[in-house]
Protein backbone atom coordinates (compact mmCIF):
# COMPACT_ATOMS: atom_id res chain seq x y z
CA MET A 1 -3.37 42.94 -26.20
CA ALA A 2 -0.83 40.61 -27.74
CA SER A 3 1.95 39.04 -25.76
CA TYR A 4 4.74 41.22 -24.35
CA LYS A 5 8.31 39.98 -24.20
CA MET A 6 10.01 39.77 -20.81
CA TRP A 7 10.76 43.13 -19.21
CA SER A 8 14.25 43.24 -17.75
CA GLY A 9 15.94 45.21 -15.01
CA CYS A 10 19.06 45.05 -12.90
CA GLY A 11 19.73 44.41 -9.24
CA ASN A 12 21.23 42.00 -6.73
CA ILE A 13 20.35 38.35 -6.92
CA SER A 14 19.34 36.43 -3.79
CA THR A 15 19.87 32.66 -3.72
CA VAL A 16 18.78 29.83 -1.49
CA SER A 17 21.16 29.78 1.45
CA GLY A 18 23.79 27.07 1.23
CA ILE A 19 22.89 25.89 -2.28
CA GLU A 20 25.23 26.50 -5.18
CA ALA A 21 24.24 26.71 -8.82
CA PRO A 22 25.63 23.84 -10.92
CA SER A 23 28.15 24.49 -13.66
CA ALA A 24 27.02 24.52 -17.27
CA HIS A 25 28.29 20.96 -17.82
CA SER A 26 27.22 19.36 -14.54
CA GLN A 27 23.90 17.79 -13.72
CA ALA A 28 22.22 19.38 -10.71
CA PRO A 29 21.23 16.97 -7.92
CA PRO A 30 17.54 16.89 -6.96
CA PHE A 31 16.46 20.06 -5.18
CA ARG A 32 15.37 18.16 -2.07
CA LYS A 33 18.87 16.66 -1.77
CA GLN A 34 20.37 20.13 -2.14
CA LEU A 35 18.18 21.37 0.71
CA LYS A 36 19.09 18.38 2.88
CA GLY A 37 22.80 18.97 2.29
CA ALA A 38 22.46 22.67 3.01
CA ALA A 39 20.60 21.90 6.24
CA ALA A 40 23.40 19.56 7.37
CA ARG A 41 26.01 22.27 6.73
CA ARG A 42 23.92 24.80 8.67
CA ARG A 43 23.54 22.82 11.89
CA PRO A 44 26.72 24.11 13.58
CA VAL A 45 25.74 27.66 12.56
CA GLU A 46 22.24 27.25 13.97
CA VAL A 47 23.57 26.06 17.32
CA SER A 48 26.11 28.89 17.63
CA SER A 49 23.65 31.56 16.51
CA GLY A 50 20.95 30.45 18.91
CA VAL A 51 18.36 29.67 16.25
CA LYS A 52 18.03 26.13 17.61
CA LYS A 53 17.87 26.01 21.38
CA SER A 54 17.13 23.29 23.88
CA SER A 55 13.61 23.19 25.21
CA LYS A 56 14.83 24.37 28.63
CA ALA A 57 16.68 27.33 27.11
CA GLN A 58 13.63 28.24 25.04
CA ASP A 59 11.36 27.96 28.08
CA ALA A 60 13.64 30.37 29.94
CA LEU A 61 13.42 32.85 27.07
CA ASP A 62 9.64 32.51 26.93
CA GLU A 63 9.40 33.29 30.62
CA LYS A 64 11.38 36.50 30.12
CA TRP A 65 10.19 37.63 26.67
CA GLU A 66 6.78 37.68 25.04
CA LEU A 67 6.53 37.17 21.29
CA THR A 68 3.69 38.86 19.40
CA VAL A 69 2.80 38.19 15.75
CA GLY A 70 0.31 39.65 13.31
CA ILE A 71 -0.13 38.26 9.81
CA GLU A 72 -1.07 39.72 6.43
CA ILE A 73 -2.18 37.08 3.94
CA HIS A 74 -2.48 37.71 0.21
CA ALA A 75 -4.67 35.14 -1.54
CA GLN A 76 -5.59 34.95 -5.23
CA LEU A 77 -9.33 34.90 -5.77
CA ASN A 78 -11.05 32.20 -7.81
CA THR A 79 -11.94 34.16 -10.95
CA GLU A 80 -11.39 33.77 -14.68
CA ARG A 81 -10.33 37.38 -15.28
CA LYS A 82 -8.07 39.89 -13.59
CA LEU A 83 -9.39 42.48 -11.17
CA PHE A 84 -9.16 45.56 -13.39
CA SER A 85 -8.86 44.18 -16.91
CA TYR A 86 -10.36 41.54 -19.17
CA ALA A 87 -7.10 39.56 -19.35
CA THR A 88 -7.14 35.93 -18.19
CA ALA A 89 -6.20 35.36 -14.56
CA SER A 90 -3.46 32.75 -14.92
CA ILE A 91 0.00 32.48 -13.38
CA HIS A 92 1.18 29.24 -14.98
CA ASP A 93 1.05 30.08 -18.69
CA GLU A 94 3.84 31.47 -20.87
CA PRO A 95 5.23 34.68 -19.32
CA ASN A 96 3.55 37.89 -20.50
CA SER A 97 0.89 36.03 -22.45
CA HIS A 98 -2.05 37.53 -20.51
CA VAL A 99 -1.33 41.26 -20.37
CA SER A 100 -3.77 44.05 -21.15
CA VAL A 101 -2.76 47.63 -21.88
CA PHE A 102 -3.87 48.59 -18.35
CA ASP A 103 -1.78 45.79 -16.81
CA ALA A 104 1.28 47.20 -18.58
CA ALA A 105 0.37 50.72 -17.34
CA LEU A 106 0.43 52.25 -20.82
CA PRO A 107 -0.39 55.97 -20.66
CA GLY A 108 -4.08 56.83 -20.86
CA THR A 109 -5.38 53.38 -19.88
CA GLN A 110 -7.97 53.03 -17.14
CA PRO A 111 -9.08 50.17 -14.87
CA ALA A 112 -12.26 48.21 -15.60
CA PHE A 113 -13.45 46.64 -12.34
CA GLN A 114 -14.54 43.02 -12.83
CA ARG A 115 -17.51 42.54 -10.53
CA GLU A 116 -17.20 38.74 -10.59
CA ALA A 117 -14.35 39.08 -8.08
CA LEU A 118 -16.86 40.18 -5.45
CA VAL A 119 -18.43 36.74 -5.07
CA PRO A 120 -15.33 34.82 -3.86
CA ALA A 121 -14.18 37.85 -1.85
CA LEU A 122 -17.51 38.01 -0.02
CA ARG A 123 -17.44 34.27 0.60
CA ALA A 124 -14.05 34.72 2.25
CA ALA A 125 -15.30 37.61 4.36
CA PHE A 126 -18.33 35.68 5.61
CA ALA A 127 -16.23 32.55 6.25
CA LEU A 128 -13.93 34.64 8.46
CA ASP A 129 -16.93 35.97 10.40
CA CYS A 130 -16.41 39.55 9.19
CA ARG A 131 -18.81 42.45 9.06
CA VAL A 132 -19.20 43.22 5.35
CA GLU A 133 -19.36 46.93 4.49
CA ARG A 134 -22.23 47.93 2.24
CA THR A 135 -19.93 50.53 0.63
CA SER A 136 -16.20 50.09 0.04
CA GLN A 137 -13.71 52.09 -2.00
CA PHE A 138 -10.47 51.64 -3.90
CA ASP A 139 -7.33 53.63 -3.08
CA ARG A 140 -3.94 54.08 -4.68
CA LYS A 141 -0.91 53.04 -2.66
CA HIS A 142 2.09 54.82 -4.20
CA TYR A 143 5.51 53.26 -4.25
CA PHE A 144 8.11 52.71 -6.96
CA TYR A 145 9.51 49.26 -7.56
CA ARG A 146 10.27 47.19 -10.63
CA ASP A 147 7.25 44.90 -10.11
CA GLN A 148 4.76 47.80 -10.10
CA PRO A 149 4.47 49.20 -13.65
CA ALA A 150 2.04 52.02 -12.71
CA GLY A 151 4.03 53.27 -9.75
CA TYR A 152 1.08 52.55 -7.46
CA GLN A 153 -1.05 49.60 -6.38
CA ILE A 154 -4.83 49.69 -6.28
CA THR A 155 -6.01 48.49 -2.88
CA GLN A 156 -8.59 49.31 -0.20
CA TYR A 157 -7.05 51.27 2.65
CA TYR A 158 -9.63 53.70 4.01
CA HIS A 159 -12.82 51.75 3.26
CA PRO A 160 -12.14 47.98 2.97
CA LEU A 161 -14.62 45.33 1.90
CA ALA A 162 -15.02 43.83 5.38
CA ARG A 163 -13.89 44.36 8.98
CA ASP A 164 -13.89 42.90 12.49
CA GLY A 165 -13.75 39.16 11.85
CA GLN A 166 -12.31 36.31 13.85
CA LEU A 167 -10.77 32.90 13.34
CA GLU A 168 -10.92 30.20 15.99
CA LEU A 169 -7.99 27.80 16.13
CA LEU A 170 -8.39 24.50 17.98
CA ALA A 171 -5.85 22.03 19.32
CA HIS A 172 -6.23 19.77 16.27
CA ASP A 173 -5.23 22.70 14.04
CA GLY A 174 -1.69 22.44 15.41
CA ILE A 175 -1.57 25.41 17.77
CA ALA A 176 1.15 25.61 20.43
CA PRO A 177 0.43 23.54 23.57
CA GLU A 178 0.76 26.76 25.60
CA ASP A 179 -2.36 28.08 23.88
CA GLY A 180 -4.48 25.30 25.37
CA GLU A 181 -7.49 23.86 23.56
CA ARG A 182 -8.36 26.93 21.51
CA VAL A 183 -7.29 30.46 20.64
CA THR A 184 -9.22 33.19 18.82
CA ILE A 185 -7.41 35.42 16.33
CA GLY A 186 -9.01 38.73 15.42
CA ILE A 187 -9.30 39.72 11.77
CA LYS A 188 -8.86 43.47 11.40
CA GLN A 189 -10.05 43.64 7.80
CA VAL A 190 -10.36 41.94 4.44
CA GLN A 191 -9.64 44.10 1.40
CA LEU A 192 -9.58 43.70 -2.37
CA GLU A 193 -6.40 44.62 -4.21
CA GLN A 194 -4.42 43.94 -7.36
CA ASP A 195 -1.30 41.80 -7.47
CA THR A 196 2.09 42.94 -8.73
CA ALA A 197 4.33 41.50 -11.44
CA LYS A 198 6.38 38.37 -10.85
CA THR A 199 10.14 38.87 -10.84
CA LEU A 200 12.35 36.16 -12.33
CA GLN A 201 16.02 36.54 -11.45
CA GLN A 202 18.85 35.73 -13.86
CA PRO A 203 22.44 35.90 -12.62
CA PRO A 204 24.37 38.00 -12.31
CA SER A 205 22.23 41.16 -12.35
CA THR A 206 19.15 40.75 -14.52
CA HIS A 207 15.52 40.69 -13.39
CA LEU A 208 12.83 39.58 -15.83
CA LEU A 209 9.25 40.69 -15.19
CA ASP A 210 6.24 38.52 -15.91
CA LEU A 211 3.21 40.81 -16.15
CA ASN A 212 0.76 37.90 -16.18
CA ARG A 213 0.48 38.41 -12.44
CA VAL A 214 -0.19 42.16 -12.60
CA SER A 215 -3.74 42.93 -11.51
CA LEU A 216 -4.62 39.39 -10.53
CA PRO A 217 -7.48 39.68 -8.03
CA LEU A 218 -6.32 39.33 -4.43
CA ILE A 219 -7.81 39.62 -1.03
CA GLU A 220 -5.53 40.78 1.75
CA ILE A 221 -6.51 39.39 5.13
CA ILE A 222 -5.00 41.33 8.04
CA THR A 223 -5.04 39.68 11.45
CA LEU A 224 -4.64 41.47 14.75
CA PRO A 225 -1.45 40.76 16.72
CA HIS A 226 -3.08 38.08 18.86
CA ILE A 227 -0.52 35.33 18.16
CA HIS A 228 2.27 34.50 20.61
CA HIS A 229 3.83 31.29 19.33
CA PRO A 230 5.41 30.41 15.93
CA SER A 231 3.50 27.14 15.58
CA THR A 232 0.21 28.95 16.21
CA ALA A 233 1.09 31.46 13.48
CA ALA A 234 1.66 28.60 11.01
CA ALA A 235 -1.61 27.00 12.15
CA CYS A 236 -3.40 30.31 11.53
CA VAL A 237 -2.15 30.54 7.95
CA ARG A 238 -2.96 26.87 7.35
CA LYS A 239 -6.50 27.31 8.73
CA ILE A 240 -7.13 30.40 6.63
CA GLN A 241 -6.00 28.56 3.49
CA SER A 242 -8.26 25.58 4.21
CA THR A 243 -11.17 27.93 4.97
CA LEU A 244 -10.75 29.86 1.72
CA LYS A 245 -10.56 26.63 -0.26
CA ALA A 246 -13.58 25.17 1.51
CA VAL A 247 -15.84 28.05 0.46
CA GLY A 248 -14.41 28.29 -3.06
CA ALA A 249 -12.94 31.74 -2.52
CA CYS A 250 -9.44 30.60 -3.48
CA VAL A 251 -8.39 27.36 -5.13
CA LEU A 252 -4.61 27.85 -5.34
CA GLY A 253 -2.71 27.38 -2.10
CA MET A 254 0.75 28.33 -0.91
CA GLU A 255 2.28 25.27 -2.53
CA VAL A 256 1.53 26.60 -6.04
CA GLY A 257 1.96 30.32 -5.43
CA GLY A 258 -1.70 31.23 -4.96
CA MET A 259 -1.19 32.49 -1.42
CA ARG A 260 1.63 34.14 0.49
CA ALA A 261 2.04 35.68 3.91
CA ASP A 262 3.82 38.63 5.50
CA VAL A 263 4.40 38.39 9.25
CA ASN A 264 4.87 41.28 11.69
CA VAL A 265 7.03 40.18 14.59
CA SER A 266 7.83 41.93 17.87
CA VAL A 267 9.11 40.94 21.32
CA ARG A 268 8.90 42.65 24.68
CA ARG A 269 10.03 41.89 28.19
CA ARG A 270 7.27 40.46 30.32
CA THR A 271 8.64 42.59 33.16
CA PRO A 272 9.82 45.94 31.70
CA ALA A 273 13.39 46.95 32.56
CA PRO A 274 14.68 50.51 33.09
CA GLY A 275 15.59 52.10 29.76
CA ASP A 276 13.23 49.94 27.69
CA GLU A 277 11.79 51.77 24.70
CA ALA A 278 8.20 52.91 24.86
CA PHE A 279 5.59 50.33 23.98
CA HIS A 280 3.74 50.54 20.69
CA HIS A 281 0.13 49.80 19.81
CA TYR A 282 -1.77 48.48 16.82
CA HIS A 283 -5.52 48.90 16.43
CA ASP A 284 -6.84 48.03 19.91
CA VAL A 285 -3.77 46.03 20.99
CA THR A 286 -1.36 47.92 23.24
CA GLY A 287 1.96 47.24 24.93
CA LEU A 288 3.74 45.93 21.85
CA GLY A 289 7.44 45.96 21.08
CA GLN A 290 8.84 47.50 17.90
CA ARG A 291 7.75 45.27 15.04
CA THR A 292 9.57 44.17 11.92
CA GLU A 293 7.86 42.81 8.84
CA ILE A 294 9.04 39.66 7.07
CA LYS A 295 7.77 39.61 3.50
CA ASN A 296 6.58 37.00 1.02
CA LEU A 297 6.63 33.75 2.98
CA SER A 298 5.41 30.98 0.70
CA SER A 299 4.96 27.96 2.96
CA PHE A 300 3.67 27.13 6.43
CA LYS A 301 7.14 26.00 7.47
CA ALA A 302 8.63 29.28 6.25
CA VAL A 303 6.14 31.18 8.41
CA GLU A 304 7.12 29.22 11.52
CA ASP A 305 10.87 29.19 10.88
CA ALA A 306 11.09 32.89 9.97
CA ILE A 307 9.25 33.89 13.16
CA LYS A 308 11.54 31.70 15.28
CA ALA A 309 14.64 33.22 13.70
CA GLU A 310 13.38 36.79 14.02
CA ARG A 311 12.43 36.25 17.67
CA VAL A 312 15.99 35.11 18.43
CA ARG A 313 17.46 38.08 16.53
CA GLN A 314 15.33 40.69 18.29
CA ILE A 315 15.99 39.23 21.74
CA ARG A 316 19.72 39.18 21.04
CA VAL A 317 19.62 42.86 19.96
CA LEU A 318 17.65 43.95 23.03
CA GLU A 319 19.72 41.94 25.52
CA ALA A 320 22.85 43.58 24.08
CA GLY A 321 21.37 47.01 24.83
CA GLY A 322 20.43 47.74 21.23
CA VAL A 323 17.18 48.92 19.69
CA VAL A 324 15.01 46.95 17.26
CA GLU A 325 14.45 49.03 14.15
CA GLY A 326 11.19 49.13 12.26
CA GLU A 327 12.13 47.61 8.92
CA THR A 328 11.18 45.12 6.24
CA ARG A 329 13.16 41.90 6.31
CA GLY A 330 13.38 38.84 4.10
CA TRP A 331 13.62 35.10 4.65
CA THR A 332 15.33 32.75 2.23
CA LEU A 333 14.49 29.07 1.94
CA GLY A 334 16.90 27.16 4.14
CA GLY A 335 18.14 30.28 5.92
CA VAL A 336 19.10 30.65 9.59
CA GLU A 337 18.26 34.32 10.06
CA THR A 338 16.17 37.06 8.51
CA LYS A 339 17.92 39.70 6.42
CA LYS A 340 17.21 43.40 6.15
CA LEU A 341 15.63 44.48 2.88
CA ARG A 342 14.80 48.12 3.57
CA SER A 343 13.84 50.50 6.33
CA LYS A 344 10.13 50.46 7.06
CA GLU A 345 8.26 53.26 5.39
CA GLY A 346 5.68 55.14 7.42
CA GLU A 347 2.11 54.98 6.18
CA VAL A 348 2.29 58.61 5.05
CA ASP A 349 5.07 57.69 2.64
CA TYR A 350 2.66 55.58 0.60
CA ARG A 351 0.56 58.70 -0.09
CA TYR A 352 -2.74 56.84 -0.08
CA MET A 353 -5.47 58.56 -2.05
CA PRO A 354 -8.88 57.49 -3.39
CA ASP A 355 -8.56 56.17 -6.92
CA PRO A 356 -10.27 58.75 -9.15
CA ASP A 357 -10.89 56.20 -11.93
CA LEU A 358 -12.91 53.75 -9.83
CA ALA A 359 -16.35 54.28 -8.34
CA PRO A 360 -17.24 53.01 -4.85
CA VAL A 361 -18.43 49.41 -4.58
CA ILE A 362 -22.01 49.40 -3.25
CA LEU A 363 -23.45 46.03 -2.27
CA GLY A 364 -27.14 45.19 -2.21
CA GLU A 365 -28.69 43.42 0.75
CA GLY A 366 -30.02 40.68 -1.54
CA LEU A 367 -26.52 39.74 -2.72
CA LEU A 368 -25.12 39.63 0.81
CA ASP A 369 -28.04 37.57 2.05
CA HIS A 370 -27.68 35.06 -0.82
CA ILE A 371 -23.94 34.56 -0.35
CA SER A 372 -24.29 34.24 3.41
CA LYS A 373 -27.03 31.61 3.16
CA THR A 374 -25.33 29.57 0.41
CA LEU A 375 -21.89 29.49 2.02
CA PRO A 376 -20.43 25.95 1.85
CA MET A 377 -19.59 24.03 5.01
CA LEU A 378 -16.52 25.36 6.85
CA PRO A 379 -13.61 23.06 7.81
CA ASP A 380 -14.54 22.84 11.51
CA GLN A 381 -18.13 21.98 10.63
CA GLN A 382 -16.96 19.42 8.09
CA LEU A 383 -14.59 17.82 10.60
CA GLN A 384 -17.37 17.54 13.15
CA VAL A 385 -19.67 15.83 10.63
CA LEU A 386 -17.00 13.35 9.55
CA THR A 387 -16.05 12.39 13.12
CA THR A 388 -19.39 12.48 14.95
CA SER A 389 -21.96 11.54 12.31
CA PRO A 390 -22.97 7.83 12.38
CA GLU A 391 -22.75 7.96 8.60
CA PHE A 392 -18.94 8.33 8.65
CA ASN A 393 -17.46 7.70 12.12
CA LEU A 394 -13.93 8.65 11.07
CA THR A 395 -11.09 9.38 13.47
CA ALA A 396 -10.06 13.03 13.65
CA LYS A 397 -6.74 12.12 12.04
CA ASP A 398 -8.32 10.37 9.05
CA ALA A 399 -10.94 13.09 8.63
CA LYS A 400 -8.35 15.89 8.60
CA THR A 401 -6.20 13.93 6.14
CA LEU A 402 -9.11 13.44 3.75
CA MET A 403 -10.00 17.13 4.00
CA ALA A 404 -6.43 18.25 3.33
CA LEU A 405 -5.57 16.00 0.39
CA ASP A 406 -6.03 16.83 -3.28
CA ASP A 407 -8.05 20.04 -2.84
CA GLY A 408 -10.98 18.09 -1.43
CA GLU A 409 -11.21 15.67 -4.36
CA ARG A 410 -10.30 12.64 -2.24
CA LEU A 411 -12.97 13.60 0.30
CA ASP A 412 -15.57 13.81 -2.48
CA TYR A 413 -14.44 10.38 -3.71
CA TYR A 414 -14.74 8.98 -0.19
CA ARG A 415 -18.27 10.34 0.22
CA ASP A 416 -19.36 8.85 -3.12
CA VAL A 417 -18.03 5.41 -2.18
CA VAL A 418 -19.71 5.55 1.25
CA VAL A 419 -23.07 6.43 -0.31
CA ALA A 420 -22.79 3.60 -2.88
CA VAL A 421 -21.89 1.00 -0.25
CA GLN A 422 -24.55 2.12 2.22
CA GLU A 423 -27.25 2.08 -0.45
CA GLU A 424 -26.36 -1.51 -1.35
CA LEU A 425 -26.02 -2.72 2.24
CA GLN A 426 -29.21 -1.32 3.70
CA PRO A 427 -29.55 -2.37 7.36
CA SER A 428 -31.22 -5.76 7.48
CA PRO A 429 -33.61 -6.95 10.24
CA ASP A 430 -30.75 -8.81 11.93
CA GLY A 431 -28.60 -5.65 12.06
CA GLY A 432 -26.19 -6.29 9.17
CA VAL A 433 -23.29 -3.85 8.71
CA SER A 434 -23.75 -0.46 10.39
CA ASP A 435 -23.25 2.83 8.55
CA ALA A 436 -20.49 3.71 11.01
CA THR A 437 -18.58 0.54 10.12
CA ILE A 438 -18.98 1.27 6.41
CA GLY A 439 -17.76 4.86 6.85
CA ARG A 440 -14.72 3.84 8.90
CA ILE A 441 -13.67 0.95 6.65
CA THR A 442 -14.14 3.03 3.50
CA GLY A 443 -11.94 5.73 4.97
CA ASN A 444 -9.18 3.20 5.59
CA TRP A 445 -9.36 1.88 2.02
CA VAL A 446 -9.45 5.31 0.36
CA LEU A 447 -6.59 6.67 2.44
CA HIS A 448 -4.32 3.68 2.92
CA GLU A 449 -5.01 0.88 0.45
CA LEU A 450 -5.90 2.92 -2.63
CA GLY A 451 -3.84 5.89 -1.44
CA GLY A 452 -0.82 3.64 -1.11
CA LEU A 453 -1.20 2.39 -4.70
CA VAL A 454 -1.50 5.96 -5.99
CA SER A 455 1.57 7.05 -4.02
CA THR A 456 3.69 4.05 -5.04
CA ALA A 457 2.84 4.62 -8.71
CA GLU A 458 3.76 8.31 -8.29
CA LYS A 459 0.40 9.36 -9.68
CA THR A 460 -1.78 12.29 -8.70
CA TRP A 461 -5.27 11.63 -7.41
CA ASP A 462 -6.63 12.90 -10.74
CA GLU A 463 -4.86 9.94 -12.37
CA ASN A 464 -6.41 7.37 -10.03
CA PRO A 465 -7.94 4.75 -12.40
CA VAL A 466 -10.21 3.09 -9.80
CA SER A 467 -13.71 4.50 -10.05
CA GLU A 468 -15.90 5.08 -7.01
CA ARG A 469 -18.21 2.32 -8.25
CA ALA A 470 -15.34 -0.17 -8.55
CA LEU A 471 -14.08 0.42 -5.01
CA ALA A 472 -17.63 0.31 -3.68
CA SER A 473 -18.16 -3.09 -5.36
CA ILE A 474 -15.00 -4.46 -3.73
CA LEU A 475 -16.04 -3.21 -0.29
CA ILE A 476 -19.59 -4.57 -0.68
CA LEU A 477 -18.18 -8.06 -1.36
CA LEU A 478 -15.77 -7.70 1.56
CA LEU A 479 -18.40 -6.53 4.04
CA ARG A 480 -20.77 -9.28 2.96
CA LYS A 481 -17.91 -11.70 3.57
CA ASP A 482 -18.09 -12.95 0.01
CA ILE A 483 -14.32 -12.37 -0.27
CA THR A 484 -11.44 -12.10 2.21
CA GLY A 485 -9.41 -8.98 2.91
CA THR A 486 -6.51 -10.46 0.95
CA THR A 487 -8.74 -11.01 -2.07
CA ALA A 488 -10.12 -7.48 -1.76
CA LYS A 489 -6.60 -6.07 -1.96
CA GLN A 490 -5.90 -8.30 -4.97
CA LEU A 491 -9.02 -6.99 -6.73
CA LEU A 492 -8.07 -3.38 -5.98
CA SER A 493 -4.61 -3.94 -7.43
CA LEU A 494 -6.07 -5.48 -10.59
CA LYS A 495 -8.43 -2.55 -11.12
CA PHE A 496 -5.68 -0.03 -10.39
CA HIS A 497 -3.37 -1.58 -12.94
CA GLY A 498 -5.90 -1.49 -15.73
CA ASP A 499 -8.12 -4.58 -15.57
CA GLY A 500 -11.20 -3.43 -17.48
CA ARG A 501 -13.57 -6.11 -16.21
CA VAL A 502 -16.20 -5.26 -13.64
CA VAL A 503 -15.37 -6.48 -10.14
CA GLU A 504 -18.03 -9.23 -10.04
CA GLN A 505 -16.76 -10.63 -13.35
CA ILE A 506 -13.18 -10.84 -12.07
CA VAL A 507 -14.36 -12.64 -8.93
CA ASP A 508 -16.35 -15.23 -10.89
CA GLU A 509 -13.84 -15.82 -13.69
CA GLN A 510 -10.89 -16.21 -11.32
CA ASN A 511 -12.83 -18.18 -8.72
CA LEU A 512 -12.09 -15.65 -5.97
CA ARG A 513 -15.36 -15.91 -4.09
CA LEU A 514 -14.91 -17.09 -0.52
CA ARG A 515 -15.58 -20.79 0.07
CA ARG A 516 -16.04 -20.82 3.81
CA MET A 517 -14.09 -23.29 5.89
CA SER A 518 -15.79 -25.44 8.49
CA GLU A 519 -15.06 -25.19 12.22
CA ALA A 520 -13.14 -28.46 12.00
CA GLU A 521 -10.97 -27.14 9.13
CA TYR A 522 -10.13 -23.97 11.10
CA GLU A 523 -9.25 -26.00 14.18
CA ASP A 524 -7.04 -28.47 12.26
CA LEU A 525 -5.14 -25.62 10.62
CA ALA A 526 -4.79 -23.74 13.91
CA ARG A 527 -3.40 -26.80 15.71
CA LYS A 528 -0.82 -27.27 12.96
CA ILE A 529 0.30 -23.62 13.24
CA VAL A 530 0.50 -23.84 17.06
CA GLU A 531 2.65 -26.98 16.87
CA GLU A 532 5.06 -25.36 14.38
CA ASN A 533 5.42 -22.12 16.42
CA ALA A 534 6.08 -23.36 19.95
CA GLY A 535 8.28 -20.37 20.80
CA VAL A 536 5.60 -17.84 19.87
CA VAL A 537 2.98 -19.82 21.76
CA ASP A 538 5.20 -19.78 24.84
CA GLN A 539 5.51 -15.97 24.67
CA ILE A 540 1.74 -15.66 24.46
CA LYS A 541 0.91 -18.11 27.26
CA ARG A 542 3.72 -17.50 29.77
CA LYS A 543 4.72 -13.91 29.06
CA GLY A 544 1.32 -12.52 28.11
CA LYS A 545 2.43 -11.11 24.76
CA ARG A 546 -1.00 -11.14 23.18
CA GLY A 547 0.25 -9.12 20.22
CA LYS A 548 2.10 -12.25 19.06
CA LEU A 549 -1.27 -13.78 18.26
CA ASN A 550 -1.29 -11.69 15.06
CA HIS A 551 1.81 -13.57 13.93
CA LEU A 552 -0.02 -16.88 14.23
CA VAL A 553 -3.04 -15.44 12.39
CA GLY A 554 -0.70 -14.43 9.58
CA GLN A 555 0.69 -17.96 9.47
CA MET A 556 -2.83 -19.39 9.12
CA MET A 557 -3.57 -16.96 6.29
CA ARG A 558 -0.34 -17.94 4.55
CA TYR A 559 -0.62 -21.71 4.83
CA GLY A 560 -4.38 -21.99 4.44
CA GLU A 561 -5.98 -22.39 1.05
CA GLU A 562 -5.81 -19.06 -0.79
CA GLY A 563 -8.91 -16.92 -0.41
CA ARG A 564 -10.57 -19.16 2.19
CA VAL A 565 -9.11 -18.17 5.56
CA GLU A 566 -10.91 -15.26 7.26
CA ALA A 567 -8.64 -13.33 9.62
CA GLY A 568 -11.31 -12.79 12.26
CA LYS A 569 -12.30 -16.44 12.31
CA ALA A 570 -8.65 -17.51 12.42
CA GLU A 571 -7.96 -15.26 15.42
CA GLU A 572 -11.06 -16.52 17.23
CA THR A 573 -10.02 -20.16 16.70
CA LEU A 574 -6.43 -19.56 17.83
CA ALA A 575 -7.52 -17.68 20.95
CA ARG A 576 -9.86 -20.49 21.92
CA LEU A 577 -7.20 -23.12 21.29
CA LEU A 578 -4.58 -21.30 23.40
CA ARG A 579 -6.97 -20.99 26.35
CA THR A 580 -7.33 -24.77 26.61
C-alpha cells in the first residue's frame, strides 16, 4: 500500500528531566552537554532523595532488604519483511513509508505469517539453551492505546515458541561482585510477537504515529526473577544482546532502537517483620515482594539506573509503613526516580484468546536439527578461543573489545589480518615469530594504532581505508624487523590518509627499510644519552626506578638516525651500560 501520512493524537508530553527545549531563535547546545548540565543540577536532589548513597549506607540496605529483578526483552528479528505482512521491515526510513493494509488495521484485512522469521527466532531460542516447542500458537492480547491500531497485539501467550532456557553470566560480563564468579539466569520463555507503532511527540499535545514499526517481527525473551543486583541486570541485557547478534538472530541493538527492555522490580525484607504483606510468587520462584514494571528502557545504563531508583523508592515506601502497588512505571533519560504511568492490569484484563486468523506453527525435526547444528559460535565460546588459542593469545580485555565493536566487523578484520600474517611468516626451523605473538601484536594494532586513527578522524569502521592486506604487509615487515615500530606507524598513517601505493613500494621509494646499527653504534649513542641525562640515570641506579629506562630509550629513538634505532636493542644496550 502507498505511504500513509502521520497519524496524530493528543496527550501529555514527557521530556528529558532537567533539559529545556531551545527557543525558536536559539541554537541548541549538543545533547551530551545538555545531559551533563542536567546531571550537575540533579546532584543535590539525588543526595537528598537517597538515589545516590555511600557504599556503607547501601551495604546496610542490602543486609536488610533483598532486591529481585526479572526482565522482559523485546528484540527485532533479522528479517527483510514484517511478521504478518509483506511490507519491508525498516525503522529508519521515512515515516509511514512501509505500511500494508493489515499494518494499518483496515477492516477486513488478515495477517499473512512470514515464515522467514522462524529462522532467526529459532537461532535465538537455541542460543539461550531453550527447549523449542514443536507446536506453538499465536494469541491476541487486547488493549487499547494509540500505538496499537487493531486494538490488540498478536503474541504467543499460551503456547510460546520455546521454554525453559538459561543464560550463564560470568565475572567478565560485569556482574555484581556479590554474585561471585558466575550466576545463572533462567529463561521462562521466548515468544514471537508483532511490534507496535512508534510515537513521535510534538509539544504541546500532539502525538504522531509512525506505522513503519507496526508488525515488525519481535521475539520477547522473559527471564525468571533470578537477578538481585542492578549491575547484574544490566549485564544480563548486554549478554543477551551480544548473544543474539552473534547468532544472527538480531542485528540492531539497543543503541539504534532494535532492542528494548522492561524490568520487573520488587524488594522484600530478608527477615520479615510483623504486618508485612504476603509474599508473591512467579513461575517457580516464591517469596517475592510486590513487583512494579518499568517499561521501555533503551540502554544498559537505563536498566541499571532505573532499577537502583526503583529499589530506593520501594524501600522508602515500605519503611514508612506504606504498601508498594502493582503498577507500570516509566523512566526518563537523566531522571532521579521512576514515575507512575498506570495501575498494573491483571492478566485477565488483556483477554487473551487464540488468534482465529492464524494457524498453529508446526516445526519439523529436520529444521530444528539443521538450525541447532549450524548455530554460529556463542560469545563465551568465541572469547575462550580468542584468549586461549595459540593462534590469537589475546587478553580477555582486548578480546571482549574486539567482539563488542562495530557489530563484529572489527573482529572479522582482525582475523583476516592474523591469517595473512601467519601465512606469510610460517614458523621457520629456528623458531621465527610464533602465532601467539602475531595474534597479540595484531590485536594491539587493530584496536589501538588503527583504531586510534579511525577515532581521531571521527570515521566509522566501515569508512576505514586501510585494507586487511595493507595492515598485514606493515606487520610482516615489522615482525621481520625490516622496519622499526616508528616506521610502521608512519606507514599506517600514510595508508590511512590515502596513499595509494602498496606498502613495499612506499618503503623502497622513501628509503624506510631498516639499516641495522652495529653494536658499537648503539653503545656510542647510549653513552651520549646517559651523559646528557645524569639525573634520570641517578634515579635508576640509586632509587631503583627502572621505569625511567623507557625515557632513555625514547631519547635514543629521538636522537638516533631516523628509522634505524630498534627500541628493544636500545633498551638492551642501555641496561647493560647502566649495570657497569
